[in-house]
N, C-alpha and C. Protein backbone atom coordinates (compact mmCIF):
# COMPACT_ATOMS: atom_id res chain seq x y z
N MET A 1 0.85 -1.17 0.00
CA MET A 1 0.00 0.00 0.01
C MET A 1 0.90 1.23 -0.01
N GLU A 2 0.80 2.00 -1.03
CA GLU A 2 1.65 3.18 -1.20
C GLU A 2 1.49 4.18 -0.06
N GLU A 3 0.27 4.35 0.41
CA GLU A 3 0.00 5.30 1.50
C GLU A 3 0.74 4.93 2.76
N VAL A 4 0.81 3.62 3.05
CA VAL A 4 1.53 3.15 4.23
C VAL A 4 3.00 3.50 4.14
N GLN A 5 3.60 3.27 2.99
CA GLN A 5 5.02 3.57 2.82
C GLN A 5 5.27 5.08 2.96
N SER A 6 4.41 5.88 2.37
CA SER A 6 4.55 7.34 2.47
C SER A 6 4.46 7.80 3.92
N MET A 7 3.50 7.23 4.65
CA MET A 7 3.32 7.61 6.04
C MET A 7 4.53 7.19 6.87
N ALA A 8 5.06 6.02 6.61
CA ALA A 8 6.24 5.54 7.35
C ALA A 8 7.42 6.48 7.13
N GLU A 9 7.60 6.98 5.92
CA GLU A 9 8.70 7.91 5.63
C GLU A 9 8.54 9.20 6.40
N VAL A 10 7.32 9.71 6.48
CA VAL A 10 7.07 10.93 7.24
C VAL A 10 7.34 10.71 8.73
N VAL A 11 6.80 9.61 9.26
CA VAL A 11 6.93 9.33 10.69
C VAL A 11 8.39 9.13 11.09
N ASN A 12 9.20 8.57 10.19
CA ASN A 12 10.62 8.38 10.51
C ASN A 12 11.34 9.69 10.79
N ARG A 13 10.77 10.79 10.34
CA ARG A 13 11.37 12.13 10.58
C ARG A 13 10.77 12.84 11.79
N GLU A 14 9.71 12.29 12.36
CA GLU A 14 9.04 12.94 13.49
C GLU A 14 9.82 12.76 14.77
N ARG A 15 10.04 13.85 15.45
CA ARG A 15 10.65 13.77 16.79
C ARG A 15 9.59 13.35 17.78
N GLY A 16 9.91 12.47 18.67
CA GLY A 16 8.98 12.07 19.72
C GLY A 16 8.15 10.84 19.37
N THR A 17 8.20 10.40 18.12
CA THR A 17 7.54 9.15 17.76
C THR A 17 8.54 8.04 17.97
N LEU A 18 8.31 7.21 18.98
CA LEU A 18 9.27 6.15 19.36
C LEU A 18 9.05 4.89 18.53
N VAL A 19 7.80 4.53 18.30
CA VAL A 19 7.45 3.33 17.51
C VAL A 19 6.27 3.67 16.62
N TYR A 20 6.35 3.30 15.38
CA TYR A 20 5.24 3.46 14.44
C TYR A 20 5.37 2.31 13.46
N ALA A 21 4.66 1.24 13.72
CA ALA A 21 4.83 0.01 12.95
C ALA A 21 3.51 -0.48 12.36
N PHE A 22 3.51 -0.66 11.05
CA PHE A 22 2.35 -1.22 10.37
C PHE A 22 2.45 -2.74 10.38
N HIS A 23 1.30 -3.39 10.53
CA HIS A 23 1.24 -4.86 10.56
C HIS A 23 0.08 -5.33 9.68
N LYS A 24 0.29 -6.43 8.96
CA LYS A 24 -0.83 -7.10 8.30
C LYS A 24 -1.55 -7.89 9.37
N VAL A 25 -2.88 -7.90 9.32
CA VAL A 25 -3.69 -8.61 10.31
C VAL A 25 -4.60 -9.61 9.60
N SER A 26 -4.62 -10.82 10.09
CA SER A 26 -5.59 -11.83 9.63
C SER A 26 -6.41 -12.27 10.82
N SER A 27 -7.70 -12.31 10.66
CA SER A 27 -8.59 -12.77 11.72
C SER A 27 -9.82 -13.37 11.10
N GLU A 28 -10.72 -13.85 11.96
CA GLU A 28 -11.97 -14.42 11.46
C GLU A 28 -12.81 -13.38 10.74
N ARG A 29 -12.57 -12.10 10.97
CA ARG A 29 -13.29 -11.04 10.29
C ARG A 29 -12.66 -10.69 8.94
N GLY A 30 -11.53 -11.25 8.63
CA GLY A 30 -10.87 -10.96 7.35
C GLY A 30 -9.47 -10.44 7.58
N GLU A 31 -8.94 -9.82 6.53
CA GLU A 31 -7.59 -9.27 6.59
C GLU A 31 -7.64 -7.76 6.67
N GLY A 32 -6.59 -7.21 7.23
CA GLY A 32 -6.53 -5.75 7.37
C GLY A 32 -5.13 -5.29 7.72
N VAL A 33 -5.08 -4.08 8.22
CA VAL A 33 -3.81 -3.45 8.60
C VAL A 33 -3.99 -2.88 10.00
N ALA A 34 -2.97 -3.07 10.84
CA ALA A 34 -2.97 -2.46 12.17
C ALA A 34 -1.69 -1.62 12.28
N VAL A 35 -1.80 -0.58 13.06
CA VAL A 35 -0.64 0.30 13.32
C VAL A 35 -0.44 0.36 14.82
N TYR A 36 0.79 0.05 15.28
CA TYR A 36 1.15 0.19 16.67
C TYR A 36 1.97 1.46 16.76
N GLU A 37 1.52 2.36 17.64
CA GLU A 37 2.17 3.66 17.79
C GLU A 37 2.57 3.85 19.25
N LEU A 38 3.75 4.41 19.46
CA LEU A 38 4.21 4.75 20.80
C LEU A 38 4.91 6.09 20.73
N TYR A 39 4.52 7.01 21.58
CA TYR A 39 5.06 8.36 21.56
C TYR A 39 5.78 8.68 22.85
N GLU A 40 6.73 9.58 22.76
CA GLU A 40 7.52 10.00 23.91
C GLU A 40 6.63 10.63 25.00
N ASN A 41 5.64 11.39 24.54
CA ASN A 41 4.73 12.06 25.47
C ASN A 41 3.47 12.50 24.72
N ALA A 42 2.54 13.10 25.46
CA ALA A 42 1.26 13.51 24.86
C ALA A 42 1.47 14.58 23.78
N ASP A 43 2.45 15.46 23.95
CA ASP A 43 2.71 16.48 22.92
C ASP A 43 3.15 15.86 21.61
N ALA A 44 4.01 14.85 21.67
CA ALA A 44 4.46 14.17 20.45
C ALA A 44 3.28 13.49 19.76
N GLN A 45 2.41 12.90 20.52
CA GLN A 45 1.22 12.24 19.93
C GLN A 45 0.31 13.28 19.30
N ARG A 46 0.13 14.42 19.96
CA ARG A 46 -0.71 15.49 19.42
C ARG A 46 -0.13 16.04 18.12
N ILE A 47 1.17 16.27 18.12
CA ILE A 47 1.83 16.82 16.90
C ILE A 47 1.67 15.85 15.75
N HIS A 48 1.86 14.56 16.01
CA HIS A 48 1.67 13.56 14.96
C HIS A 48 0.22 13.58 14.46
N GLY A 49 -0.73 13.62 15.39
CA GLY A 49 -2.14 13.59 15.04
C GLY A 49 -2.61 14.81 14.27
N GLU A 50 -1.89 15.89 14.39
CA GLU A 50 -2.27 17.13 13.68
C GLU A 50 -1.47 17.35 12.41
N SER A 51 -0.59 16.41 12.06
CA SER A 51 0.27 16.60 10.88
C SER A 51 -0.53 16.50 9.59
N ASP A 52 -0.06 17.17 8.57
CA ASP A 52 -0.70 17.12 7.24
C ASP A 52 -0.71 15.70 6.71
N ALA A 53 0.36 14.95 6.95
CA ALA A 53 0.45 13.60 6.41
C ALA A 53 -0.61 12.67 7.01
N ILE A 54 -0.75 12.73 8.33
CA ILE A 54 -1.74 11.82 8.96
C ILE A 54 -3.15 12.26 8.62
N ASN A 55 -3.38 13.54 8.51
CA ASN A 55 -4.73 14.01 8.13
C ASN A 55 -5.09 13.61 6.70
N ALA A 56 -4.12 13.63 5.82
CA ALA A 56 -4.36 13.16 4.44
C ALA A 56 -4.66 11.67 4.42
N LEU A 57 -3.89 10.90 5.18
CA LEU A 57 -4.12 9.44 5.24
C LEU A 57 -5.47 9.15 5.92
N ARG A 58 -5.74 9.86 7.00
CA ARG A 58 -6.99 9.63 7.74
C ARG A 58 -8.20 9.87 6.83
N GLY A 59 -8.13 10.84 5.96
CA GLY A 59 -9.21 11.12 5.05
C GLY A 59 -9.46 10.01 4.04
N ARG A 60 -8.43 9.23 3.76
CA ARG A 60 -8.52 8.15 2.77
C ARG A 60 -8.78 6.78 3.39
N LEU A 61 -8.69 6.67 4.71
CA LEU A 61 -8.79 5.35 5.35
C LEU A 61 -10.08 4.60 5.04
N PRO A 62 -11.26 5.21 5.13
CA PRO A 62 -12.47 4.43 4.81
C PRO A 62 -12.43 3.85 3.40
N GLU A 63 -11.93 4.62 2.45
CA GLU A 63 -11.81 4.12 1.06
C GLU A 63 -10.79 2.99 0.97
N LEU A 64 -9.66 3.14 1.62
CA LEU A 64 -8.60 2.14 1.56
C LEU A 64 -8.96 0.85 2.31
N LEU A 65 -9.66 1.02 3.43
CA LEU A 65 -9.96 -0.13 4.26
C LEU A 65 -11.32 -0.77 3.94
N GLY A 66 -12.16 -0.03 3.28
CA GLY A 66 -13.50 -0.54 2.99
C GLY A 66 -14.45 -0.34 4.15
N ALA A 67 -13.99 0.28 5.22
CA ALA A 67 -14.80 0.54 6.40
C ALA A 67 -14.08 1.59 7.25
N PRO A 68 -14.81 2.25 8.13
CA PRO A 68 -14.11 3.18 9.04
C PRO A 68 -13.11 2.43 9.91
N PRO A 69 -11.98 3.05 10.22
CA PRO A 69 -10.98 2.38 11.06
C PRO A 69 -11.48 2.25 12.49
N GLU A 70 -10.99 1.20 13.16
CA GLU A 70 -11.23 1.03 14.58
C GLU A 70 -9.99 1.53 15.31
N ARG A 71 -10.20 2.14 16.45
CA ARG A 71 -9.05 2.67 17.22
C ARG A 71 -9.11 2.15 18.63
N TYR A 72 -7.98 1.69 19.12
CA TYR A 72 -7.85 1.22 20.49
C TYR A 72 -6.66 1.94 21.10
N GLN A 73 -6.83 2.48 22.28
CA GLN A 73 -5.72 3.08 22.98
C GLN A 73 -5.18 2.10 23.99
N LEU A 74 -3.93 1.71 23.82
CA LEU A 74 -3.28 0.79 24.73
C LEU A 74 -2.44 1.59 25.71
N ILE A 75 -2.61 1.32 26.97
CA ILE A 75 -1.85 2.04 28.00
C ILE A 75 -1.02 1.01 28.77
N PRO A 76 0.30 1.06 28.61
CA PRO A 76 1.14 0.09 29.33
C PRO A 76 0.94 0.22 30.84
N VAL A 77 0.85 -0.92 31.51
CA VAL A 77 0.65 -0.88 32.96
C VAL A 77 1.89 -1.33 33.71
N THR A 78 2.87 -1.85 33.00
CA THR A 78 4.11 -2.27 33.64
C THR A 78 5.20 -2.25 32.56
N GLY A 79 6.42 -2.26 32.99
CA GLY A 79 7.53 -2.27 32.05
C GLY A 79 7.46 -3.51 31.16
N ALA A 80 7.93 -3.39 29.97
CA ALA A 80 7.93 -4.50 29.03
C ALA A 80 9.21 -4.45 28.21
N LYS A 81 9.69 -5.59 27.83
CA LYS A 81 10.91 -5.65 27.01
C LYS A 81 10.72 -4.86 25.73
N GLY A 82 11.67 -4.01 25.46
CA GLY A 82 11.63 -3.22 24.24
C GLY A 82 10.90 -1.90 24.37
N LEU A 83 10.22 -1.66 25.49
CA LEU A 83 9.53 -0.39 25.69
C LEU A 83 10.31 0.44 26.68
N PRO A 84 10.38 1.75 26.45
CA PRO A 84 11.18 2.64 27.29
C PRO A 84 10.52 3.00 28.61
N PHE A 85 10.39 2.01 29.50
CA PHE A 85 9.78 2.29 30.82
C PHE A 85 10.70 1.86 31.90
């Protein structure tokens, strides 16, 4: 998906974005794409969310996915390998 690659290139230049990883997902509901995001702080998440690149992608998501995206906020509750806690 060209949009995913373009978004990854933009995110690689963002300060404060610690992890931004696209994943292919297969489930009983079908196939899709998931994005795992981790930010240094709330300001970094806000800046990413307000960027021109994410707003352009967000506007195309229903068309690309065939349905509105689902969003889940994961809040780490304890330190985990590979996470900066």
